[in-house]
């Protein structure tokens, strides 16, 4: 039997009972490389909110390391920071830590204090029709017109979005608890091309954003010479099973999983078709997957 000669490398993060596969981040931003008091140079400021000089990197609030991005919105005047992505896969993940607060009365309770999501600025300035999550002036977190949960000001929340641009739908997690499943979105004339962080326009708001991470949903390894001789590692969010698909000519090879210290945690021979690898006994953390000839 002919064997492929490549080795497929992938990484997955085990969080609770969910395994998230990823090859590399399209964006991994903690804002620590920028000077305090300046707007981050890799981002674009689309709207100036309560004032251009107020939209800056700060060391007064952060989740990890020492800095975050602060955006201050005004009543009916948002502060929008946009990052243009280098690629736009149909299924993509976004994770952001956000902390919301405001000064004075909330003038427009149904308007957002903060938004986090995908966007194409040629089609929308507010992520309309694209996958996004909002924190409104009534202390509710929402997406696609659906209330997901309430929130407290001056508290950090981790927002995670799985956006299926091809199907115009999204799934949402707040602090690793799934709050929205297959939420329908409207069609867009242009595909998303950016990440958008909003200091909203419900009132005089002050928002902090940290640890912005974007990654493609699946990692695929294909022999470049013989594309039919392939092994594919598929992200599975439903349970602690890593699903691996391989062709007939790739069967009989071995998948190995190592922890970040390089210790072998599991090894399993692959069969043609779908292979389920049980990782329920694994502790939370980062793992490396190797599949192919060892």
C-alpha atoms as a PDB file:
ATOM      1  CA  UNK A   1       0.000   0.000   0.000  1.00  0.00           C
ATOM      2  CA  UNK A   2       1.328   3.408  -0.944  1.00  0.00           C
ATOM      3  CA  UNK A   3       1.914   5.709   2.008  1.00  0.00           C
ATOM      4  CA  UNK A   4       2.069   9.473   2.135  1.00  0.00           C
ATOM      5  CA  UNK A   5       5.454  10.757   3.157  1.00  0.00           C
ATOM      6  CA  UNK A   6       4.464  14.012   4.831  1.00  0.00           C
ATOM      7  CA  UNK A   7       3.892  14.565   8.527  1.00  0.00           C
ATOM      8  CA  UNK A   8       0.811  16.591   9.439  1.00  0.00           C
ATOM      9  CA  UNK A   9       1.277  18.918  12.381  1.00  0.00           C
ATOM     10  CA  UNK A  10      -1.610  20.607  14.134  1.00  0.00           C
ATOM     11  CA  UNK A  11      -2.348  22.222  17.467  1.00  0.00           C
ATOM     12  CA  UNK A  12      -5.486  22.022  19.542  1.00  0.00           C
ATOM     13  CA  UNK A  13      -6.504  23.693  22.753  1.00  0.00           C
ATOM     14  CA  UNK A  14      -8.546  21.644  25.218  1.00  0.00           C
ATOM     15  CA  UNK A  15     -10.974  23.901  27.078  1.00  0.00           C
ATOM     16  CA  UNK A  16     -13.378  22.105  29.381  1.00  0.00           C
ATOM     17  CA  UNK A  17     -14.731  19.269  27.238  1.00  0.00           C
ATOM     18  CA  UNK A  18     -14.159  20.996  23.900  1.00  0.00           C
ATOM     19  CA  UNK A  19     -11.183  20.641  21.599  1.00  0.00           C
ATOM     20  CA  UNK A  20     -10.438  23.610  19.359  1.00  0.00           C
ATOM     21  CA  UNK A  21      -8.132  22.803  16.440  1.00  0.00           C
ATOM     22  CA  UNK A  22      -5.992  25.495  14.973  1.00  0.00           C
ATOM     23  CA  UNK A  23      -2.963  25.782  12.744  1.00  0.00           C
ATOM     24  CA  UNK A  24      -1.955  29.353  13.585  1.00  0.00           C
ATOM     25  CA  UNK A  25      -3.578  32.615  14.531  1.00  0.00           C
ATOM     26  CA  UNK A  26      -4.638  35.075  11.853  1.00  0.00           C
ATOM     27  CA  UNK A  27      -4.506  37.640  14.645  1.00  0.00           C
ATOM     28  CA  UNK A  28      -3.110  37.344  18.166  1.00  0.00           C
ATOM     29  CA  UNK A  29      -3.194  40.806  19.705  1.00  0.00           C
ATOM     30  CA  UNK A  30      -2.632  41.702  23.359  1.00  0.00           C
ATOM     31  CA  UNK A  31      -1.648  45.338  22.616  1.00  0.00           C
ATOM     32  CA  UNK A  32       1.503  44.970  24.730  1.00  0.00           C
ATOM     33  CA  UNK A  33       3.839  45.917  21.882  1.00  0.00           C
ATOM     34  CA  UNK A  34       2.396  49.441  21.580  1.00  0.00           C
ATOM     35  CA  UNK A  35       3.246  52.544  23.553  1.00  0.00           C
ATOM     36  CA  UNK A  36       0.842  53.618  26.277  1.00  0.00           C
ATOM     37  CA  UNK A  37      -1.162  56.645  25.154  1.00  0.00           C
ATOM     38  CA  UNK A  38      -0.976  55.856  21.431  1.00  0.00           C
ATOM     39  CA  UNK A  39      -3.476  54.211  19.119  1.00  0.00           C
ATOM     40  CA  UNK A  40      -2.116  50.812  17.921  1.00  0.00           C
ATOM     41  CA  UNK A  41      -0.431  51.257  14.548  1.00  0.00           C
ATOM     42  CA  UNK A  42      -1.618  47.908  13.130  1.00  0.00           C
ATOM     43  CA  UNK A  43      -5.238  48.982  13.553  1.00  0.00           C
ATOM     44  CA  UNK A  44      -7.333  51.700  11.901  1.00  0.00           C
ATOM     45  CA  UNK A  45      -9.513  54.148  13.820  1.00  0.00           C
ATOM     46  CA  UNK A  46     -12.731  54.485  11.789  1.00  0.00           C
ATOM     47  CA  UNK A  47     -14.704  56.753  14.127  1.00  0.00           C
ATOM     48  CA  UNK A  48     -13.302  58.890  16.917  1.00  0.00           C
ATOM     49  CA  UNK A  49     -16.071  58.564  19.539  1.00  0.00           C
ATOM     50  CA  UNK A  50     -15.572  60.941  22.453  1.00  0.00           C
ATOM     51  CA  UNK A  51     -12.306  62.185  20.922  1.00  0.00           C
ATOM     52  CA  UNK A  52      -9.411  60.885  18.851  1.00  0.00           C
ATOM     53  CA  UNK A  53      -6.913  61.354  21.687  1.00  0.00           C
ATOM     54  CA  UNK A  54      -9.000  59.126  23.994  1.00  0.00           C
ATOM     55  CA  UNK A  55      -8.696  56.010  21.814  1.00  0.00           C
ATOM     56  CA  UNK A  56      -5.409  54.618  23.080  1.00  0.00           C
ATOM     57  CA  UNK A  57      -3.467  51.697  24.475  1.00  0.00           C
ATOM     58  CA  UNK A  58      -3.537  51.805  28.269  1.00  0.00           C
ATOM     59  CA  UNK A  59      -1.864  50.027  31.175  1.00  0.00           C
ATOM     60  CA  UNK A  60      -4.638  50.870  33.636  1.00  0.00           C
ATOM     61  CA  UNK A  61      -6.686  47.765  32.739  1.00  0.00           C
ATOM     62  CA  UNK A  62      -5.692  44.403  31.257  1.00  0.00           C
ATOM     63  CA  UNK A  63      -6.416  40.673  31.431  1.00  0.00           C
ATOM     64  CA  UNK A  64      -2.916  39.349  30.862  1.00  0.00           C
ATOM     65  CA  UNK A  65       0.508  40.945  30.554  1.00  0.00           C
ATOM     66  CA  UNK A  66       0.246  44.704  31.031  1.00  0.00           C
ATOM     67  CA  UNK A  67      -1.877  46.570  28.455  1.00  0.00           C
ATOM     68  CA  UNK A  68      -5.204  46.724  26.632  1.00  0.00           C
ATOM     69  CA  UNK A  69      -6.949  48.921  24.066  1.00  0.00           C
ATOM     70  CA  UNK A  70      -9.259  51.608  25.498  1.00  0.00           C
ATOM     71  CA  UNK A  71     -12.065  52.985  23.328  1.00  0.00           C
ATOM     72  CA  UNK A  72     -14.348  55.785  24.513  1.00  0.00           C
ATOM     73  CA  UNK A  73     -17.680  56.308  22.788  1.00  0.00           C
ATOM     74  CA  UNK A  74     -20.068  59.244  22.973  1.00  0.00           C
ATOM     75  CA  UNK A  75     -23.877  59.448  22.695  1.00  0.00           C
ATOM     76  CA  UNK A  76     -24.604  58.580  19.067  1.00  0.00           C
ATOM     77  CA  UNK A  77     -20.884  58.671  18.305  1.00  0.00           C
ATOM     78  CA  UNK A  78     -18.899  55.430  18.418  1.00  0.00           C
ATOM     79  CA  UNK A  79     -15.162  54.758  18.419  1.00  0.00           C
ATOM     80  CA  UNK A  80     -14.429  51.955  15.934  1.00  0.00           C
ATOM     81  CA  UNK A  81     -11.075  50.171  15.722  1.00  0.00           C
ATOM     82  CA  UNK A  82     -10.621  47.892  12.707  1.00  0.00           C
ATOM     83  CA  UNK A  83      -7.997  45.290  11.840  1.00  0.00           C
ATOM     84  CA  UNK A  84      -7.758  44.060   8.231  1.00  0.00           C
ATOM     85  CA  UNK A  85      -7.250  40.277   8.013  1.00  0.00           C
ATOM     86  CA  UNK A  86      -4.783  38.645   5.629  1.00  0.00           C
ATOM     87  CA  UNK A  87      -7.235  35.852   4.745  1.00  0.00           C
ATOM     88  CA  UNK A  88     -10.965  35.264   5.149  1.00  0.00           C
ATOM     89  CA  UNK A  89     -11.870  31.580   5.539  1.00  0.00           C
ATOM     90  CA  UNK A  90     -15.546  30.643   5.414  1.00  0.00           C
ATOM     91  CA  UNK A  91     -15.486  29.353   9.013  1.00  0.00           C
ATOM     92  CA  UNK A  92     -13.520  31.510  11.422  1.00  0.00           C
ATOM     93  CA  UNK A  93     -13.220  32.068  15.172  1.00  0.00           C
ATOM     94  CA  UNK A  94     -12.854  35.307  17.120  1.00  0.00           C
ATOM     95  CA  UNK A  95     -12.072  35.569  20.837  1.00  0.00           C
ATOM     96  CA  UNK A  96     -11.880  38.864  22.741  1.00  0.00           C
ATOM     97  CA  UNK A  97     -11.822  39.931  26.375  1.00  0.00           C
ATOM     98  CA  UNK A  98     -13.939  43.035  26.912  1.00  0.00           C
ATOM     99  CA  UNK A  99     -14.760  45.237  29.889  1.00  0.00           C
ATOM    100  CA  UNK A 100     -17.596  47.780  29.642  1.00  0.00           C
ATOM    101  CA  UNK A 101     -18.297  50.901  31.676  1.00  0.00           C
ATOM    102  CA  UNK A 102     -19.853  54.314  31.158  1.00  0.00           C
ATOM    103  CA  UNK A 103     -19.945  57.789  32.687  1.00  0.00           C
ATOM    104  CA  UNK A 104     -23.201  59.622  33.415  1.00  0.00           C
ATOM    105  CA  UNK A 105     -26.613  58.560  32.143  1.00  0.00           C
ATOM    106  CA  UNK A 106     -27.139  56.141  29.265  1.00  0.00           C
ATOM    107  CA  UNK A 107     -28.860  58.229  26.630  1.00  0.00           C
ATOM    108  CA  UNK A 108     -29.817  55.373  24.297  1.00  0.00           C
ATOM    109  CA  UNK A 109     -30.401  52.136  26.287  1.00  0.00           C
ATOM    110  CA  UNK A 110     -31.008  50.052  23.146  1.00  0.00           C
ATOM    111  CA  UNK A 111     -27.754  51.217  21.567  1.00  0.00           C
ATOM    112  CA  UNK A 112     -24.504  49.378  22.280  1.00  0.00           C
ATOM    113  CA  UNK A 113     -21.843  50.340  24.773  1.00  0.00           C
ATOM    114  CA  UNK A 114     -19.554  47.884  22.968  1.00  0.00           C
ATOM    115  CA  UNK A 115     -19.540  45.616  19.914  1.00  0.00           C
ATOM    116  CA  UNK A 116     -17.102  42.861  18.935  1.00  0.00           C
ATOM    117  CA  UNK A 117     -17.247  41.171  15.556  1.00  0.00           C
ATOM    118  CA  UNK A 118     -16.434  40.779  11.885  1.00  0.00           C
ATOM    119  CA  UNK A 119     -16.961  43.432   9.266  1.00  0.00           C
ATOM    120  CA  UNK A 120     -16.356  44.708   5.755  1.00  0.00           C
ATOM    121  CA  UNK A 121     -16.138  48.468   5.993  1.00  0.00           C
ATOM    122  CA  UNK A 122     -17.184  48.922   2.373  1.00  0.00           C
ATOM    123  CA  UNK A 123     -20.522  47.325   3.262  1.00  0.00           C
ATOM    124  CA  UNK A 124     -21.028  48.278   6.914  1.00  0.00           C
ATOM    125  CA  UNK A 125     -19.540  50.479   9.602  1.00  0.00           C
ATOM    126  CA  UNK A 126     -21.238  48.542  12.390  1.00  0.00           C
ATOM    127  CA  UNK A 127     -20.801  44.854  11.526  1.00  0.00           C
ATOM    128  CA  UNK A 128     -24.423  44.831  10.339  1.00  0.00           C
ATOM    129  CA  UNK A 129     -25.178  41.447   8.818  1.00  0.00           C
ATOM    130  CA  UNK A 130     -21.830  40.010   9.898  1.00  0.00           C
ATOM    131  CA  UNK A 131     -21.084  37.963  13.016  1.00  0.00           C
ATOM    132  CA  UNK A 132     -20.904  40.227  16.076  1.00  0.00           C
ATOM    133  CA  UNK A 133     -21.806  40.386  19.761  1.00  0.00           C
ATOM    134  CA  UNK A 134     -23.024  43.559  21.460  1.00  0.00           C
ATOM    135  CA  UNK A 135     -23.224  44.894  25.033  1.00  0.00           C
ATOM    136  CA  UNK A 136     -26.136  47.335  25.105  1.00  0.00           C
ATOM    137  CA  UNK A 137     -27.046  50.211  27.395  1.00  0.00           C
ATOM    138  CA  UNK A 138     -29.556  48.024  29.240  1.00  0.00           C
ATOM    139  CA  UNK A 139     -26.797  45.688  30.479  1.00  0.00           C
ATOM    140  CA  UNK A 140     -27.687  42.880  28.075  1.00  0.00           C
ATOM    141  CA  UNK A 141     -25.336  40.928  25.819  1.00  0.00           C
ATOM    142  CA  UNK A 142     -26.961  40.217  22.454  1.00  0.00           C
ATOM    143  CA  UNK A 143     -26.358  38.878  18.953  1.00  0.00           C
ATOM    144  CA  UNK A 144     -28.599  38.915  15.851  1.00  0.00           C
ATOM    145  CA  UNK A 145     -31.369  40.520  17.911  1.00  0.00           C
ATOM    146  CA  UNK A 146     -31.254  37.681  20.458  1.00  0.00           C
ATOM    147  CA  UNK A 147     -30.497  38.361  24.134  1.00  0.00           C
ATOM    148  CA  UNK A 148     -27.761  36.014  25.312  1.00  0.00           C
ATOM    149  CA  UNK A 149     -27.404  37.058  28.965  1.00  0.00           C
ATOM    150  CA  UNK A 150     -27.026  40.088  31.217  1.00  0.00           C
ATOM    151  CA  UNK A 151     -23.672  41.647  32.098  1.00  0.00           C
ATOM    152  CA  UNK A 152     -22.157  43.753  34.863  1.00  0.00           C
ATOM    153  CA  UNK A 153     -20.180  46.877  34.129  1.00  0.00           C
ATOM    154  CA  UNK A 154     -16.522  47.002  35.197  1.00  0.00           C
ATOM    155  CA  UNK A 155     -16.209  43.226  34.793  1.00  0.00           C
ATOM    156  CA  UNK A 156     -14.147  41.368  32.189  1.00  0.00           C
ATOM    157  CA  UNK A 157     -15.981  38.976  29.861  1.00  0.00           C
ATOM    158  CA  UNK A 158     -14.521  36.605  27.309  1.00  0.00           C
ATOM    159  CA  UNK A 159     -16.511  36.609  24.070  1.00  0.00           C
ATOM    160  CA  UNK A 160     -15.987  33.844  21.534  1.00  0.00           C
ATOM    161  CA  UNK A 161     -17.629  33.774  18.109  1.00  0.00           C
ATOM    162  CA  UNK A 162     -17.647  30.997  15.528  1.00  0.00           C
ATOM    163  CA  UNK A 163     -18.674  32.703  12.292  1.00  0.00           C
ATOM    164  CA  UNK A 164     -19.769  30.688   9.256  1.00  0.00           C
ATOM    165  CA  UNK A 165     -19.648  33.250   6.466  1.00  0.00           C
ATOM    166  CA  UNK A 166     -20.761  30.733   3.839  1.00  0.00           C
ATOM    167  CA  UNK A 167     -23.916  29.793   5.765  1.00  0.00           C
ATOM    168  CA  UNK A 168     -24.502  33.282   7.245  1.00  0.00           C
ATOM    169  CA  UNK A 169     -24.700  31.964  10.797  1.00  0.00           C
ATOM    170  CA  UNK A 170     -22.787  32.164  14.064  1.00  0.00           C
ATOM    171  CA  UNK A 171     -22.334  30.435  17.421  1.00  0.00           C
ATOM    172  CA  UNK A 172     -21.457  32.424  20.543  1.00  0.00           C
ATOM    173  CA  UNK A 173     -19.781  31.617  23.876  1.00  0.00           C
ATOM    174  CA  UNK A 174     -19.577  33.973  26.855  1.00  0.00           C
ATOM    175  CA  UNK A 175     -16.917  32.968  29.381  1.00  0.00           C
ATOM    176  CA  UNK A 176     -16.723  29.538  27.684  1.00  0.00           C
ATOM    177  CA  UNK A 177     -20.465  28.887  28.115  1.00  0.00           C
ATOM    178  CA  UNK A 178     -22.314  28.543  24.822  1.00  0.00           C
ATOM    179  CA  UNK A 179     -25.094  31.122  24.642  1.00  0.00           C
ATOM    180  CA  UNK A 180     -26.026  31.112  20.968  1.00  0.00           C
ATOM    181  CA  UNK A 181     -26.253  28.246  18.471  1.00  0.00           C
ATOM    182  CA  UNK A 182     -26.604  28.616  14.709  1.00  0.00           C
ATOM    183  CA  UNK A 183     -27.860  32.192  14.934  1.00  0.00           C
ATOM    184  CA  UNK A 184     -28.989  33.328  11.487  1.00  0.00           C
ATOM    185  CA  UNK A 185     -27.419  36.400   9.880  1.00  0.00           C
ATOM    186  CA  UNK A 186     -28.486  38.481   6.896  1.00  0.00           C
ATOM    187  CA  UNK A 187     -26.805  38.158   3.518  1.00  0.00           C
ATOM    188  CA  UNK A 188     -23.972  40.529   2.631  1.00  0.00           C
ATOM    189  CA  UNK A 189     -22.949  41.811  -0.771  1.00  0.00           C
ATOM    190  CA  UNK A 190     -19.283  41.678   0.286  1.00  0.00           C
ATOM    191  CA  UNK A 191     -17.477  39.081   2.377  1.00  0.00           C
ATOM    192  CA  UNK A 192     -15.998  40.183   5.690  1.00  0.00           C
ATOM    193  CA  UNK A 193     -12.377  41.324   5.606  1.00  0.00           C
ATOM    194  CA  UNK A 194     -11.765  42.745   9.083  1.00  0.00           C
ATOM    195  CA  UNK A 195     -12.189  42.525  12.834  1.00  0.00           C
ATOM    196  CA  UNK A 196     -14.048  45.436  14.383  1.00  0.00           C
ATOM    197  CA  UNK A 197     -13.993  46.587  18.021  1.00  0.00           C
ATOM    198  CA  UNK A 198     -16.491  49.281  18.979  1.00  0.00           C
ATOM    199  CA  UNK A 199     -16.621  51.727  21.795  1.00  0.00           C
ATOM    200  CA  UNK A 200     -20.382  52.149  21.374  1.00  0.00           C
ATOM    201  CA  UNK A 201     -22.752  55.091  21.212  1.00  0.00           C
ATOM    202  CA  UNK A 202     -25.319  54.420  23.977  1.00  0.00           C
ATOM    203  CA  UNK A 203     -23.720  57.124  26.127  1.00  0.00           C
ATOM    204  CA  UNK A 204     -20.297  58.253  27.280  1.00  0.00           C
ATOM    205  CA  UNK A 205     -18.762  54.797  27.446  1.00  0.00           C
ATOM    206  CA  UNK A 206     -15.308  53.487  28.301  1.00  0.00           C
ATOM    207  CA  UNK A 207     -14.455  50.019  26.978  1.00  0.00           C
ATOM    208  CA  UNK A 208     -11.302  47.922  27.281  1.00  0.00           C
ATOM    209  CA  UNK A 209     -10.339  45.154  24.838  1.00  0.00           C
ATOM    210  CA  UNK A 210      -7.608  42.572  25.359  1.00  0.00           C
ATOM    211  CA  UNK A 211      -6.336  39.265  23.944  1.00  0.00           C
ATOM    212  CA  UNK A 212      -7.933  39.518  20.503  1.00  0.00           C
ATOM    213  CA  UNK A 213      -7.439  36.153  18.774  1.00  0.00           C
ATOM    214  CA  UNK A 214      -8.627  35.020  15.353  1.00  0.00           C
ATOM    215  CA  UNK A 215      -8.119  31.578  13.837  1.00  0.00           C
ATOM    216  CA  UNK A 216      -9.463  29.348  11.103  1.00  0.00           C
ATOM    217  CA  UNK A 217     -11.764  26.533  12.206  1.00  0.00           C
ATOM    218  CA  UNK A 218      -9.886  23.508  10.885  1.00  0.00           C
ATOM    219  CA  UNK A 219      -6.371  22.414  10.118  1.00  0.00           C
ATOM    220  CA  UNK A 220      -5.917  20.353   6.945  1.00  0.00           C
ATOM    221  CA  UNK A 221      -2.769  18.500   5.917  1.00  0.00           C
ATOM    222  CA  UNK A 222      -2.529  17.336   2.296  1.00  0.00           C
ATOM    223  CA  UNK A 223       0.310  15.705   0.424  1.00  0.00           C
ATOM    224  CA  UNK A 224       1.063  18.390  -2.167  1.00  0.00           C
ATOM    225  CA  UNK A 225       2.115  15.818  -4.792  1.00  0.00           C
ATOM    226  CA  UNK A 226      -0.778  13.438  -4.294  1.00  0.00           C
ATOM    227  CA  UNK A 227      -3.686  15.471  -2.990  1.00  0.00           C
ATOM    228  CA  UNK A 228      -5.925  12.403  -2.700  1.00  0.00           C
ATOM    229  CA  UNK A 229      -3.549  10.896  -0.096  1.00  0.00           C
ATOM    230  CA  UNK A 230      -4.628  13.107   2.755  1.00  0.00           C
ATOM    231  CA  UNK A 231      -5.267  13.295   6.460  1.00  0.00           C
ATOM    232  CA  UNK A 232      -7.575  15.985   7.822  1.00  0.00           C
ATOM    233  CA  UNK A 233      -8.001  16.993  11.452  1.00  0.00           C
ATOM    234  CA  UNK A 234     -11.452  18.395  12.075  1.00  0.00           C
ATOM    235  CA  UNK A 235     -12.460  20.712  14.922  1.00  0.00           C
ATOM    236  CA  UNK A 236     -15.223  19.225  17.076  1.00  0.00           C
ATOM    237  CA  UNK A 237     -16.864  21.648  19.504  1.00  0.00           C
ATOM    238  CA  UNK A 238     -19.578  19.283  20.743  1.00  0.00           C
ATOM    239  CA  UNK A 239     -17.481  16.953  22.890  1.00  0.00           C
ATOM    240  CA  UNK A 240     -13.983  15.881  23.816  1.00  0.00           C
ATOM    241  CA  UNK A 241     -13.386  13.862  20.659  1.00  0.00           C
ATOM    242  CA  UNK A 242     -10.807  14.768  18.039  1.00  0.00           C
ATOM    243  CA  UNK A 243     -12.120  13.706  14.626  1.00  0.00           C
ATOM    244  CA  UNK A 244      -9.561  12.696  12.005  1.00  0.00           C
ATOM    245  CA  UNK A 245     -10.489  11.874   8.428  1.00  0.00           C
ATOM    246  CA  UNK A 246      -8.095   9.985   6.148  1.00  0.00           C
ATOM    247  CA  UNK A 247      -8.211   8.475   2.691  1.00  0.00           C
ATOM    248  CA  UNK A 248      -7.638   4.807   1.833  1.00  0.00           C
ATOM    249  CA  UNK A 249      -4.006   5.368   0.893  1.00  0.00           C
ATOM    250  CA  UNK A 250      -3.318   7.219   4.134  1.00  0.00           C
ATOM    251  CA  UNK A 251      -4.808   4.474   6.335  1.00  0.00           C
ATOM    252  CA  UNK A 252      -2.532   2.462   8.607  1.00  0.00           C
ATOM    253  CA  UNK A 253      -0.534   5.490   9.643  1.00  0.00           C
ATOM    254  CA  UNK A 254      -0.353   6.702  13.224  1.00  0.00           C
ATOM    255  CA  UNK A 255      -1.664   9.807  14.948  1.00  0.00           C
ATOM    256  CA  UNK A 256       0.259  10.892  18.056  1.00  0.00           C
ATOM    257  CA  UNK A 257      -0.707  13.563  20.555  1.00  0.00           C
ATOM    258  CA  UNK A 258       1.877  15.326  22.733  1.00  0.00           C
ATOM    259  CA  UNK A 259       1.478  17.856  25.504  1.00  0.00           C
ATOM    260  CA  UNK A 260       3.371  21.130  25.350  1.00  0.00           C
ATOM    261  CA  UNK A 261       6.269  19.541  27.293  1.00  0.00           C
ATOM    262  CA  UNK A 262       6.711  17.008  24.466  1.00  0.00           C
ATOM    263  CA  UNK A 263       5.352  14.016  26.405  1.00  0.00           C
ATOM    264  CA  UNK A 264       3.434  11.460  24.335  1.00  0.00           C
ATOM    265  CA  UNK A 265      -0.128  11.297  25.686  1.00  0.00           C
ATOM    266  CA  UNK A 266      -1.878   9.142  23.084  1.00  0.00           C
ATOM    267  CA  UNK A 267      -1.124   7.166  19.935  1.00  0.00           C
ATOM    268  CA  UNK A 268      -3.629   5.558  17.595  1.00  0.00           C
ATOM    269  CA  UNK A 269      -3.517   3.887  14.191  1.00  0.00           C
ATOM    270  CA  UNK A 270      -5.693   5.511  11.550  1.00  0.00           C
ATOM    271  CA  UNK A 271      -8.214   3.677   9.417  1.00  0.00           C
ATOM    272  CA  UNK A 272      -9.769   4.775   6.153  1.00  0.00           C
ATOM    273  CA  UNK A 273     -12.637   7.220   6.709  1.00  0.00           C
ATOM    274  CA  UNK A 274     -13.573   8.880  10.004  1.00  0.00           C
ATOM    275  CA  UNK A 275     -11.466   8.212  13.100  1.00  0.00           C
ATOM    276  CA  UNK A 276     -12.620   9.446  16.508  1.00  0.00           C
ATOM    277  CA  UNK A 277      -9.845   9.971  19.047  1.00  0.00           C
ATOM    278  CA  UNK A 278     -11.066  10.147  22.642  1.00  0.00           C
ATOM    279  CA  UNK A 279      -9.324  12.940  24.557  1.00  0.00           C
ATOM    280  CA  UNK A 280     -11.781  13.098  27.473  1.00  0.00           C
ATOM    281  CA  UNK A 281      -9.048  12.125  29.953  1.00  0.00           C
ATOM    282  CA  UNK A 282      -6.810  15.013  28.912  1.00  0.00           C
ATOM    283  CA  UNK A 283      -6.344  17.990  31.210  1.00  0.00           C
ATOM    284  CA  UNK A 284      -6.929  21.501  29.924  1.00  0.00           C
ATOM    285  CA  UNK A 285      -4.046  22.851  27.920  1.00  0.00           C
ATOM    286  CA  UNK A 286      -2.238  23.031  24.593  1.00  0.00           C
ATOM    287  CA  UNK A 287      -1.480  19.846  22.639  1.00  0.00           C
ATOM    288  CA  UNK A 288       0.397  19.036  19.439  1.00  0.00           C
ATOM    289  CA  UNK A 289      -0.952  16.478  16.950  1.00  0.00           C
ATOM    290  CA  UNK A 290       1.279  14.572  14.524  1.00  0.00           C
ATOM    291  CA  UNK A 291      -0.138  12.323  11.821  1.00  0.00           C
ATOM    292  CA  UNK A 292       1.787  10.538   9.079  1.00  0.00           C
ATOM    293  CA  UNK A 293       4.987   8.531   8.933  1.00  0.00           C
ATOM    294  CA  UNK A 294       6.924   8.932  12.212  1.00  0.00           C
END
